[in-house]
PDB file of N, CA and C in Angstrom:
ATOM      1  N   MET A   1      -4.924   3.657 -10.835  1.00  0.00           N
ATOM      2  CA  MET A   1      -5.715   4.550 -10.005  1.00  0.00           C
ATOM      3  C   MET A   1      -5.378   4.279  -8.535  1.00  0.00           C
ATOM      4  N   PRO A   2      -5.077   5.317  -7.758  1.00  0.00           N
ATOM      5  CA  PRO A   2      -4.737   5.131  -6.347  1.00  0.00           C
ATOM      6  C   PRO A   2      -5.903   4.562  -5.539  1.00  0.00           C
ATOM      7  N   ILE A   3      -5.555   3.799  -4.521  1.00  0.00           N
ATOM      8  CA  ILE A   3      -6.535   3.199  -3.611  1.00  0.00           C
ATOM      9  C   ILE A   3      -6.614   4.079  -2.366  1.00  0.00           C
ATOM     10  N   LYS A   4      -7.840   4.444  -1.945  1.00  0.00           N
ATOM     11  CA  LYS A   4      -8.020   5.318  -0.791  1.00  0.00           C
ATOM     12  C   LYS A   4      -8.251   4.486   0.471  1.00  0.00           C
ATOM     13  N   HIS A   5      -7.606   4.900   1.571  1.00  0.00           N
ATOM     14  CA  HIS A   5      -7.758   4.219   2.865  1.00  0.00           C
ATOM     15  C   HIS A   5      -7.948   5.242   3.972  1.00  0.00           C
ATOM     16  N   ASP A   6      -8.810   4.902   4.921  1.00  0.00           N
ATOM     17  CA  ASP A   6      -8.889   5.657   6.166  1.00  0.00           C
ATOM     18  C   ASP A   6      -7.819   5.113   7.100  1.00  0.00           C
ATOM     19  N   ILE A   7      -7.273   5.976   7.952  1.00  0.00           N
ATOM     20  CA  ILE A   7      -6.287   5.563   8.943  1.00  0.00           C
ATOM     21  C   ILE A   7      -6.934   5.706  10.306  1.00  0.00           C
ATOM     22  N   ASP A   8      -7.080   4.579  10.992  1.00  0.00           N
ATOM     23  CA  ASP A   8      -7.712   4.548  12.305  1.00  0.00           C
ATOM     24  C   ASP A   8      -6.658   4.289  13.370  1.00  0.00           C
ATOM     25  N   ALA A   9      -6.965   4.674  14.604  1.00  0.00           N
ATOM     26  CA  ALA A   9      -6.086   4.409  15.734  1.00  0.00           C
ATOM     27  C   ALA A   9      -6.919   3.949  16.910  1.00  0.00           C
ATOM     28  N   SER A  10      -6.366   3.010  17.662  1.00  0.00           N
ATOM     29  CA  SER A  10      -6.956   2.616  18.937  1.00  0.00           C
ATOM     30  C   SER A  10      -6.237   3.414  20.007  1.00  0.00           C
ATOM     31  N   LEU A  11      -6.974   4.150  20.785  1.00  0.00           N
ATOM     32  CA  LEU A  11      -6.388   5.055  21.765  1.00  0.00           C
ATOM     33  C   LEU A  11      -6.607   4.535  23.181  1.00  0.00           C
ATOM     34  N   THR A  12      -5.612   4.749  24.044  1.00  0.00           N
ATOM     35  CA  THR A  12      -5.736   4.462  25.462  1.00  0.00           C
ATOM     36  C   THR A  12      -5.988   5.789  26.160  1.00  0.00           C
ATOM     37  N   ILE A  13      -7.072   5.864  26.882  1.00  0.00           N
ATOM     38  CA  ILE A  13      -7.435   7.091  27.581  1.00  0.00           C
ATOM     39  C   ILE A  13      -7.006   6.961  29.036  1.00  0.00           C
ATOM     40  N   ILE A  14      -6.265   7.953  29.511  1.00  0.00           N
ATOM     41  CA  ILE A  14      -5.811   7.954  30.896  1.00  0.00           C
ATOM     42  C   ILE A  14      -6.836   8.696  31.735  1.00  0.00           C
ATOM     43  N   ASP A  15      -7.361   8.017  32.739  1.00  0.00           N
ATOM     44  CA  ASP A  15      -8.361   8.601  33.631  1.00  0.00           C
ATOM     45  C   ASP A  15      -7.651   9.224  34.832  1.00  0.00           C
ATOM     46  N   PRO A  16      -7.612  10.568  34.913  1.00  0.00           N
ATOM     47  CA  PRO A  16      -6.899  11.210  36.019  1.00  0.00           C
ATOM     48  C   PRO A  16      -7.469  10.857  37.391  1.00  0.00           C
ATOM     49  N   GLY A  17      -8.686  10.406  37.467  1.00  0.00           N
ATOM     50  CA  GLY A  17      -9.275  10.018  38.746  1.00  0.00           C
ATOM     51  C   GLY A  17      -8.674   8.747  39.303  1.00  0.00           C
ATOM     52  N   LEU A  18      -7.939   7.979  38.485  1.00  0.00           N
ATOM     53  CA  LEU A  18      -7.316   6.738  38.943  1.00  0.00           C
ATOM     54  C   LEU A  18      -5.797   6.889  39.060  1.00  0.00           C
ATOM     55  N   LEU A  19      -5.323   8.080  39.422  1.00  0.00           N
ATOM     56  CA  LEU A  19      -3.897   8.356  39.622  1.00  0.00           C
ATOM     57  C   LEU A  19      -3.077   8.097  38.366  1.00  0.00           C
ATOM     58  N   ASP A  20      -3.604   8.508  37.243  1.00  0.00           N
ATOM     59  CA  ASP A  20      -2.924   8.385  35.943  1.00  0.00           C
ATOM     60  C   ASP A  20      -2.587   6.943  35.561  1.00  0.00           C
ATOM     61  N   VAL A  21      -3.396   6.005  35.968  1.00  0.00           N
ATOM     62  CA  VAL A  21      -3.223   4.609  35.555  1.00  0.00           C
ATOM     63  C   VAL A  21      -3.935   4.441  34.217  1.00  0.00           C
ATOM     64  N   PRO A  22      -3.220   3.960  33.168  1.00  0.00           N
ATOM     65  CA  PRO A  22      -3.884   3.815  31.865  1.00  0.00           C
ATOM     66  C   PRO A  22      -5.060   2.840  31.937  1.00  0.00           C
ATOM     67  N   VAL A  23      -6.148   3.262  31.389  1.00  0.00           N
ATOM     68  CA  VAL A  23      -7.331   2.413  31.299  1.00  0.00           C
ATOM     69  C   VAL A  23      -7.712   2.353  29.829  1.00  0.00           C
ATOM     70  N   ASP A  24      -7.811   1.158  29.283  1.00  0.00           N
ATOM     71  CA  ASP A  24      -8.131   1.004  27.876  1.00  0.00           C
ATOM     72  C   ASP A  24      -9.640   1.006  27.715  1.00  0.00           C
ATOM     73  N   TYR A  25     -10.161   2.118  27.174  1.00  0.00           N
ATOM     74  CA  TYR A  25     -11.587   2.215  26.914  1.00  0.00           C
ATOM     75  C   TYR A  25     -11.926   1.690  25.534  1.00  0.00           C
ATOM     76  N   ASP A  26     -10.906   1.153  24.816  1.00  0.00           N
ATOM     77  CA  ASP A  26     -11.076   0.602  23.475  1.00  0.00           C
ATOM     78  C   ASP A  26     -11.738   1.612  22.540  1.00  0.00           C
ATOM     79  N   VAL A  27     -11.142   2.789  22.476  1.00  0.00           N
ATOM     80  CA  VAL A  27     -11.637   3.853  21.620  1.00  0.00           C
ATOM     81  C   VAL A  27     -10.932   3.759  20.278  1.00  0.00           C
ATOM     82  N   LYS A  28     -11.687   3.613  19.218  1.00  0.00           N
ATOM     83  CA  LYS A  28     -11.128   3.581  17.875  1.00  0.00           C
ATOM     84  C   LYS A  28     -11.646   4.802  17.135  1.00  0.00           C
ATOM     85  N   THR A  29     -10.730   5.572  16.554  1.00  0.00           N
ATOM     86  CA  THR A  29     -11.125   6.799  15.892  1.00  0.00           C
ATOM     87  C   THR A  29     -10.333   6.997  14.606  1.00  0.00           C
ATOM     88  N   LYS A  30     -10.919   7.708  13.665  1.00  0.00           N
ATOM     89  CA  LYS A  30     -10.241   8.025  12.409  1.00  0.00           C
ATOM     90  C   LYS A  30      -9.279   9.185  12.666  1.00  0.00           C
ATOM     91  N   ILE A  31      -7.993   8.982  12.303  1.00  0.00           N
ATOM     92  CA  ILE A  31      -7.025  10.057  12.493  1.00  0.00           C
ATOM     93  C   ILE A  31      -6.574  10.672  11.170  1.00  0.00           C
ATOM     94  N   GLY A  32      -6.911  10.016  10.057  1.00  0.00           N
ATOM     95  CA  GLY A  32      -6.511  10.579   8.770  1.00  0.00           C
ATOM     96  C   GLY A  32      -6.928   9.700   7.622  1.00  0.00           C
ATOM     97  N   GLU A  33      -6.426  10.056   6.436  1.00  0.00           N
ATOM     98  CA  GLU A  33      -6.697   9.264   5.235  1.00  0.00           C
ATOM     99  C   GLU A  33      -5.528   9.406   4.280  1.00  0.00           C
ATOM    100  N   THR A  34      -5.401   8.452   3.382  1.00  0.00           N
ATOM    101  CA  THR A  34      -4.322   8.475   2.408  1.00  0.00           C
ATOM    102  C   THR A  34      -4.733   7.713   1.161  1.00  0.00           C
ATOM    103  N   LYS A  35      -3.965   7.894   0.119  1.00  0.00           N
ATOM    104  CA  LYS A  35      -4.099   7.092  -1.099  1.00  0.00           C
ATOM    105  C   LYS A  35      -2.758   6.432  -1.342  1.00  0.00           C
ATOM    106  N   HIS A  36      -2.789   5.240  -1.951  1.00  0.00           N
ATOM    107  CA  HIS A  36      -1.519   4.581  -2.246  1.00  0.00           C
ATOM    108  C   HIS A  36      -1.584   3.845  -3.567  1.00  0.00           C
ATOM    109  N   ILE A  37      -0.410   3.707  -4.158  1.00  0.00           N
ATOM    110  CA  ILE A  37      -0.246   2.941  -5.390  1.00  0.00           C
ATOM    111  C   ILE A  37       0.809   1.875  -5.105  1.00  0.00           C
ATOM    112  N   PRO A  38       0.441   0.590  -5.190  1.00  0.00           N
ATOM    113  CA  PRO A  38       1.409  -0.465  -4.886  1.00  0.00           C
ATOM    114  C   PRO A  38       1.878  -1.241  -6.128  1.00  0.00           C
ATOM    115  N   PRO A  39       2.636  -0.608  -7.051  1.00  0.00           N
ATOM    116  CA  PRO A  39       3.064  -1.363  -8.229  1.00  0.00           C
ATOM    117  C   PRO A  39       3.998  -2.514  -7.839  1.00  0.00           C
ATOM    118  N   THR A  40       3.825  -3.637  -8.520  1.00  0.00           N
ATOM    119  CA  THR A  40       4.633  -4.821  -8.244  1.00  0.00           C
ATOM    120  C   THR A  40       5.138  -5.382  -9.568  1.00  0.00           C
ATOM    121  N   LEU A  41       6.432  -5.616  -9.647  1.00  0.00           N
ATOM    122  CA  LEU A  41       7.052  -6.231 -10.821  1.00  0.00           C
ATOM    123  C   LEU A  41       7.432  -7.648 -10.444  1.00  0.00           C
ATOM    124  N   SER A  42       6.865  -8.622 -11.167  1.00  0.00           N
ATOM    125  CA  SER A  42       7.105 -10.032 -10.849  1.00  0.00           C
ATOM    126  C   SER A  42       7.570 -10.806 -12.076  1.00  0.00           C
ATOM    127  N   PHE A  43       8.372 -11.805 -11.815  1.00  0.00           N
ATOM    128  CA  PHE A  43       8.786 -12.753 -12.848  1.00  0.00           C
ATOM    129  C   PHE A  43       8.235 -14.116 -12.467  1.00  0.00           C
ATOM    130  N   GLN A  44       7.717 -14.844 -13.476  1.00  0.00           N
ATOM    131  CA  GLN A  44       7.096 -16.140 -13.218  1.00  0.00           C
ATOM    132  C   GLN A  44       7.858 -17.247 -13.939  1.00  0.00           C
ATOM    133  N   TYR A  45       7.930 -18.403 -13.270  1.00  0.00           N
ATOM    134  CA  TYR A  45       8.487 -19.600 -13.892  1.00  0.00           C
ATOM    135  C   TYR A  45       7.359 -20.623 -13.985  1.00  0.00           C
ATOM    136  N   HIS A  46       7.011 -21.014 -15.214  1.00  0.00           N
ATOM    137  CA  HIS A  46       5.958 -22.013 -15.458  1.00  0.00           C
ATOM    138  C   HIS A  46       6.610 -23.380 -15.584  1.00  0.00           C
ATOM    139  N   PHE A  47       6.178 -24.319 -14.736  1.00  0.00           N
ATOM    140  CA  PHE A  47       6.784 -25.652 -14.686  1.00  0.00           C
ATOM    141  C   PHE A  47       6.412 -26.523 -15.876  1.00  0.00           C
ATOM    142  N   ALA A  48       5.215 -26.383 -16.393  1.00  0.00           N
ATOM    143  CA  ALA A  48       4.740 -27.248 -17.480  1.00  0.00           C
ATOM    144  C   ALA A  48       4.030 -26.384 -18.526  1.00  0.00           C
ATOM    145  N   PRO A  49       4.790 -25.621 -19.330  1.00  0.00           N
ATOM    146  CA  PRO A  49       4.156 -24.671 -20.254  1.00  0.00           C
ATOM    147  C   PRO A  49       3.348 -25.309 -21.383  1.00  0.00           C
ATOM    148  N   ASP A  50       3.509 -26.610 -21.639  1.00  0.00           N
ATOM    149  CA  ASP A  50       2.793 -27.270 -22.735  1.00  0.00           C
ATOM    150  C   ASP A  50       1.573 -28.047 -22.274  1.00  0.00           C
ATOM    151  N   ARG A  51       1.182 -27.940 -21.028  1.00  0.00           N
ATOM    152  CA  ARG A  51       0.045 -28.705 -20.502  1.00  0.00           C
ATOM    153  C   ARG A  51      -1.171 -27.806 -20.332  1.00  0.00           C
ATOM    154  N   ASP A  52      -2.352 -28.433 -20.180  1.00  0.00           N
ATOM    155  CA  ASP A  52      -3.582 -27.660 -19.959  1.00  0.00           C
ATOM    156  C   ASP A  52      -3.544 -26.912 -18.625  1.00  0.00           C
ATOM    157  N   PHE A  53      -2.948 -27.533 -17.602  1.00  0.00           N
ATOM    158  CA  PHE A  53      -2.767 -26.850 -16.318  1.00  0.00           C
ATOM    159  C   PHE A  53      -1.283 -26.536 -16.161  1.00  0.00           C
ATOM    160  N   GLN A  54      -0.971 -25.265 -15.951  1.00  0.00           N
ATOM    161  CA  GLN A  54       0.416 -24.804 -15.893  1.00  0.00           C
ATOM    162  C   GLN A  54       0.699 -24.160 -14.536  1.00  0.00           C
ATOM    163  N   PRO A  55       1.242 -24.941 -13.579  1.00  0.00           N
ATOM    164  CA  PRO A  55       1.600 -24.346 -12.292  1.00  0.00           C
ATOM    165  C   PRO A  55       2.799 -23.413 -12.444  1.00  0.00           C
ATOM    166  N   TYR A  56       2.840 -22.385 -11.587  1.00  0.00           N
ATOM    167  CA  TYR A  56       3.967 -21.471 -11.666  1.00  0.00           C
ATOM    168  C   TYR A  56       4.332 -20.911 -10.282  1.00  0.00           C
ATOM    169  N   LEU A  57       5.575 -20.450 -10.196  1.00  0.00           N
ATOM    170  CA  LEU A  57       6.071 -19.699  -9.054  1.00  0.00           C
ATOM    171  C   LEU A  57       6.476 -18.323  -9.555  1.00  0.00           C
ATOM    172  N   GLY A  58       6.246 -17.317  -8.746  1.00  0.00           N
ATOM    173  CA  GLY A  58       6.638 -15.957  -9.118  1.00  0.00           C
ATOM    174  C   GLY A  58       7.382 -15.285  -7.988  1.00  0.00           C
ATOM    175  N   LEU A  59       8.278 -14.409  -8.360  1.00  0.00           N
ATOM    176  CA  LEU A  59       9.034 -13.642  -7.384  1.00  0.00           C
ATOM    177  C   LEU A  59       9.207 -12.233  -7.928  1.00  0.00           C
ATOM    178  N   GLY A  60       9.051 -11.250  -7.068  1.00  0.00           N
ATOM    179  CA  GLY A  60       9.145  -9.880  -7.556  1.00  0.00           C
ATOM    180  C   GLY A  60       9.424  -8.885  -6.460  1.00  0.00           C
ATOM    181  N   LEU A  61       9.276  -7.622  -6.820  1.00  0.00           N
ATOM    182  CA  LEU A  61       9.534  -6.513  -5.922  1.00  0.00           C
ATOM    183  C   LEU A  61       8.321  -5.590  -5.929  1.00  0.00           C
ATOM    184  N   ASN A  62       7.901  -5.186  -4.733  1.00  0.00           N
ATOM    185  CA  ASN A  62       6.769  -4.279  -4.565  1.00  0.00           C
ATOM    186  C   ASN A  62       7.272  -2.946  -4.029  1.00  0.00           C
ATOM    187  N   TRP A  63       6.694  -1.850  -4.544  1.00  0.00           N
ATOM    188  CA  TRP A  63       6.995  -0.510  -4.048  1.00  0.00           C
ATOM    189  C   TRP A  63       5.666   0.151  -3.755  1.00  0.00           C
ATOM    190  N   THR A  64       5.433   0.522  -2.510  1.00  0.00           N
ATOM    191  CA  THR A  64       4.204   1.203  -2.135  1.00  0.00           C
ATOM    192  C   THR A  64       4.516   2.677  -1.913  1.00  0.00           C
ATOM    193  N   ARG A  65       3.765   3.535  -2.600  1.00  0.00           N
ATOM    194  CA  ARG A  65       3.958   4.982  -2.533  1.00  0.00           C
ATOM    195  C   ARG A  65       2.652   5.614  -2.047  1.00  0.00           C
ATOM    196  N   PHE A  66       2.751   6.447  -1.020  1.00  0.00           N
ATOM    197  CA  PHE A  66       1.580   7.117  -0.463  1.00  0.00           C
ATOM    198  C   PHE A  66       1.464   8.528  -1.024  1.00  0.00           C
ATOM    199  N   SER A  67       0.226   8.994  -1.200  1.00  0.00           N
ATOM    200  CA  SER A  67      -0.019  10.357  -1.671  1.00  0.00           C
ATOM    201  C   SER A  67      -1.324  10.856  -1.054  1.00  0.00           C
ATOM    202  N   SER A  68      -1.562  12.138  -1.159  1.00  0.00           N
ATOM    203  CA  SER A  68      -2.792  12.770  -0.648  1.00  0.00           C
ATOM    204  C   SER A  68      -3.058  12.389   0.803  1.00  0.00           C
ATOM    205  N   THR A  69      -2.003  12.321   1.604  1.00  0.00           N
ATOM    206  CA  THR A  69      -2.143  11.965   3.015  1.00  0.00           C
ATOM    207  C   THR A  69      -2.598  13.192   3.796  1.00  0.00           C
ATOM    208  N   LYS A  70      -3.693  13.020   4.533  1.00  0.00           N
ATOM    209  CA  LYS A  70      -4.271  14.141   5.285  1.00  0.00           C
ATOM    210  C   LYS A  70      -4.571  13.713   6.710  1.00  0.00           C
ATOM    211  N   LEU A  71      -4.270  14.582   7.630  1.00  0.00           N
ATOM    212  CA  LEU A  71      -4.621  14.385   9.024  1.00  0.00           C
ATOM    213  C   LEU A  71      -6.056  14.855   9.227  1.00  0.00           C
ATOM    214  N   HIS A  72      -6.847  14.081   9.950  1.00  0.00           N
ATOM    215  CA  HIS A  72      -8.238  14.458  10.226  1.00  0.00           C
ATOM    216  C   HIS A  72      -8.243  15.795  10.976  1.00  0.00           C
ATOM    217  N   PRO A  73      -9.140  16.729  10.622  1.00  0.00           N
ATOM    218  CA  PRO A  73      -9.153  18.061  11.254  1.00  0.00           C
ATOM    219  C   PRO A  73      -9.240  18.025  12.782  1.00  0.00           C
ATOM    220  N   ASP A  74      -9.897  17.019  13.358  1.00  0.00           N
ATOM    221  CA  ASP A  74     -10.013  16.931  14.817  1.00  0.00           C
ATOM    222  C   ASP A  74      -8.675  16.597  15.479  1.00  0.00           C
ATOM    223  N   MET A  75      -7.699  16.103  14.710  1.00  0.00           N
ATOM    224  CA  MET A  75      -6.395  15.716  15.258  1.00  0.00           C
ATOM    225  C   MET A  75      -5.376  16.845  15.197  1.00  0.00           C
ATOM    226  N   VAL A  76      -5.679  17.920  14.480  1.00  0.00           N
ATOM    227  CA  VAL A  76      -4.735  19.027  14.319  1.00  0.00           C
ATOM    228  C   VAL A  76      -4.758  19.919  15.558  1.00  0.00           C
ATOM    229  N   ASP A  77      -3.563  20.230  16.094  1.00  0.00           N
ATOM    230  CA  ASP A  77      -3.445  21.193  17.185  1.00  0.00           C
ATOM    231  C   ASP A  77      -2.101  21.903  17.055  1.00  0.00           C
ATOM    232  N   ASP A  78      -1.647  22.589  18.096  1.00  0.00           N
ATOM    233  CA  ASP A  78      -0.400  23.355  18.035  1.00  0.00           C
ATOM    234  C   ASP A  78       0.831  22.470  17.849  1.00  0.00           C
ATOM    235  N   GLU A  79       0.782  21.212  18.334  1.00  0.00           N
ATOM    236  CA  GLU A  79       1.942  20.328  18.263  1.00  0.00           C
ATOM    237  C   GLU A  79       1.900  19.385  17.062  1.00  0.00           C
ATOM    238  N   VAL A  80       0.717  19.049  16.582  1.00  0.00           N
ATOM    239  CA  VAL A  80       0.562  18.113  15.469  1.00  0.00           C
ATOM    240  C   VAL A  80      -0.168  18.818  14.344  1.00  0.00           C
ATOM    241  N   SER A  81       0.495  18.892  13.181  1.00  0.00           N
ATOM    242  CA  SER A  81      -0.152  19.596  12.074  1.00  0.00           C
ATOM    243  C   SER A  81      -0.245  18.775  10.793  1.00  0.00           C
ATOM    244  N   LYS A  82       0.532  17.685  10.697  1.00  0.00           N
ATOM    245  CA  LYS A  82       0.445  16.867   9.495  1.00  0.00           C
ATOM    246  C   LYS A  82       0.761  15.410   9.771  1.00  0.00           C
ATOM    247  N   LEU A  83       0.348  14.571   8.861  1.00  0.00           N
ATOM    248  CA  LEU A  83       0.564  13.128   8.932  1.00  0.00           C
ATOM    249  C   LEU A  83       1.474  12.749   7.774  1.00  0.00           C
ATOM    250  N   ILE A  84       2.582  12.092   8.070  1.00  0.00           N
ATOM    251  CA  ILE A  84       3.545  11.706   7.038  1.00  0.00           C
ATOM    252  C   ILE A  84       3.695  10.191   7.047  1.00  0.00           C
ATOM    253  N   LEU A  85       3.511   9.571   5.877  1.00  0.00           N
ATOM    254  CA  LEU A  85       3.701   8.130   5.717  1.00  0.00           C
ATOM    255  C   LEU A  85       4.836   7.894   4.730  1.00  0.00           C
ATOM    256  N   ASP A  86       5.790   7.068   5.103  1.00  0.00           N
ATOM    257  CA  ASP A  86       6.904   6.733   4.221  1.00  0.00           C
ATOM    258  C   ASP A  86       6.514   5.582   3.309  1.00  0.00           C
ATOM    259  N   GLY A  87       7.005   5.618   2.077  1.00  0.00           N
ATOM    260  CA  GLY A  87       6.808   4.511   1.161  1.00  0.00           C
ATOM    261  C   GLY A  87       7.668   3.325   1.583  1.00  0.00           C
ATOM    262  N   SER A  88       7.458   2.188   0.944  1.00  0.00           N
ATOM    263  CA  SER A  88       8.230   1.010   1.321  1.00  0.00           C
ATOM    264  C   SER A  88       8.473   0.106   0.116  1.00  0.00           C
ATOM    265  N   PHE A  89       9.552  -0.670   0.209  1.00  0.00           N
ATOM    266  CA  PHE A  89       9.861  -1.713  -0.757  1.00  0.00           C
ATOM    267  C   PHE A  89       9.704  -3.052  -0.061  1.00  0.00           C
ATOM    268  N   GLY A  90       9.327  -4.068  -0.815  1.00  0.00           N
ATOM    269  CA  GLY A  90       9.195  -5.400  -0.233  1.00  0.00           C
ATOM    270  C   GLY A  90       9.234  -6.464  -1.298  1.00  0.00           C
ATOM    271  N   VAL A  91       9.390  -7.694  -0.865  1.00  0.00           N
ATOM    272  CA  VAL A  91       9.414  -8.848  -1.756  1.00  0.00           C
ATOM    273  C   VAL A  91       7.983  -9.314  -1.990  1.00  0.00           C
ATOM    274  N   ALA A  92       7.683  -9.682  -3.224  1.00  0.00           N
ATOM    275  CA  ALA A  92       6.373 -10.229  -3.565  1.00  0.00           C
ATOM    276  C   ALA A  92       6.581 -11.654  -4.085  1.00  0.00           C
ATOM    277  N   ALA A  93       5.788 -12.576  -3.596  1.00  0.00           N
ATOM    278  CA  ALA A  93       5.886 -13.972  -4.032  1.00  0.00           C
ATOM    279  C   ALA A  93       4.527 -14.441  -4.540  1.00  0.00           C
ATOM    280  N   GLN A  94       4.562 -15.320  -5.526  1.00  0.00           N
ATOM    281  CA  GLN A  94       3.328 -15.868  -6.098  1.00  0.00           C
ATOM    282  C   GLN A  94       3.448 -17.379  -6.208  1.00  0.00           C
ATOM    283  N   LEU A  95       2.331 -18.040  -6.059  1.00  0.00           N
ATOM    284  CA  LEU A  95       2.208 -19.468  -6.329  1.00  0.00           C
ATOM    285  C   LEU A  95       0.841 -19.625  -6.965  1.00  0.00           C
ATOM    286  N   GLY A  96       0.786 -20.183  -8.151  1.00  0.00           N
ATOM    287  CA  GLY A  96      -0.503 -20.280  -8.822  1.00  0.00           C
ATOM    288  C   GLY A  96      -0.461 -21.208 -10.004  1.00  0.00           C
ATOM    289  N   GLY A  97      -1.475 -21.082 -10.832  1.00  0.00           N
ATOM    290  CA  GLY A  97      -1.548 -21.917 -12.015  1.00  0.00           C
ATOM    291  C   GLY A  97      -2.482 -21.317 -13.048  1.00  0.00           C
ATOM    292  N   ASP A  98      -2.170 -21.584 -14.296  1.00  0.00           N
ATOM    293  CA  ASP A  98      -3.024 -21.206 -15.416  1.00  0.00           C
ATOM    294  C   ASP A  98      -3.664 -22.474 -15.950  1.00  0.00           C
ATOM    295  N   TRP A  99      -4.935 -22.382 -16.271  1.00  0.00           N
ATOM    296  CA  TRP A  99      -5.645 -23.539 -16.785  1.00  0.00           C
ATOM    297  C   TRP A  99      -6.215 -23.162 -18.136  1.00  0.00           C
ATOM    298  N   GLN A 100      -5.772 -23.864 -19.161  1.00  0.00           N
ATOM    299  CA  GLN A 100      -6.255 -23.617 -20.520  1.00  0.00           C
ATOM    300  C   GLN A 100      -7.614 -24.274 -20.674  1.00  0.00           C
ATOM    301  N   VAL A 101      -8.638 -23.485 -20.909  1.00  0.00           N
ATOM    302  CA  VAL A 101     -10.005 -23.987 -20.974  1.00  0.00           C
ATOM    303  C   VAL A 101     -10.374 -24.389 -22.394  1.00  0.00           C
ATOM    304  N   ASP A 102      -9.986 -23.598 -23.406  1.00  0.00           N
ATOM    305  CA  ASP A 102     -10.411 -23.853 -24.778  1.00  0.00           C
ATOM    306  C   ASP A 102      -9.219 -23.678 -25.715  1.00  0.00           C
ATOM    307  N   GLN A 103      -8.770 -24.750 -26.330  1.00  0.00           N
ATOM    308  CA  GLN A 103      -7.614 -24.720 -27.227  1.00  0.00           C
ATOM    309  C   GLN A 103      -7.889 -23.836 -28.454  1.00  0.00           C
ATOM    310  N   ALA A 104      -9.091 -23.868 -28.966  1.00  0.00           N
ATOM    311  CA  ALA A 104      -9.432 -23.105 -30.172  1.00  0.00           C
ATOM    312  C   ALA A 104      -9.323 -21.600 -29.925  1.00  0.00           C
ATOM    313  N   ALA A 105      -9.674 -21.153 -28.743  1.00  0.00           N
ATOM    314  CA  ALA A 105      -9.610 -19.729 -28.428  1.00  0.00           C
ATOM    315  C   ALA A 105      -8.171 -19.226 -28.456  1.00  0.00           C
ATOM    316  N   PHE A 106      -7.237 -20.072 -28.040  1.00  0.00           N
ATOM    317  CA  PHE A 106      -5.824 -19.668 -28.032  1.00  0.00           C
ATOM    318  C   PHE A 106      -5.203 -19.778 -29.420  1.00  0.00           C
ATOM    319  N   ALA A 107      -5.671 -20.708 -30.226  1.00  0.00           N
ATOM    320  CA  ALA A 107      -5.118 -20.889 -31.562  1.00  0.00           C
ATOM    321  C   ALA A 107      -5.495 -19.724 -32.479  1.00  0.00           C
ATOM    322  N   SER A 108      -6.657 -19.106 -32.264  1.00  0.00           N
ATOM    323  CA  SER A 108      -7.093 -18.017 -33.135  1.00  0.00           C
ATOM    324  C   SER A 108      -6.595 -16.653 -32.669  1.00  0.00           C
ATOM    325  N   ALA A 109      -6.048 -16.583 -31.469  1.00  0.00           N
ATOM    326  CA  ALA A 109      -5.625 -15.278 -30.928  1.00  0.00           C
ATOM    327  C   ALA A 109      -4.336 -14.777 -31.529  1.00  0.00           C
TER     328      ALA A 109
END
């Protein structure tokens, strides 16, 4: 299921009364929204697979894909009509451990 996010921007407002010197009024506003799916394929190496605690390292590849991207209606004008977000690929790394709590539960599975 895609995850929904609002897209906010911090804007610098130029006050014409100060000879066009940028003044940061720290204005944060919603400029749009999007949904994304970040599937990640990872491979894990378990250092001690026969022990109750099994530390592991993982390495993989992440692909983030955006969909349903919409520009907030207040941001639309003659020059700006849509918001486009590019997907991305990246490396995913893991460091963790599995802890076997009950031997009987695993033997019956």
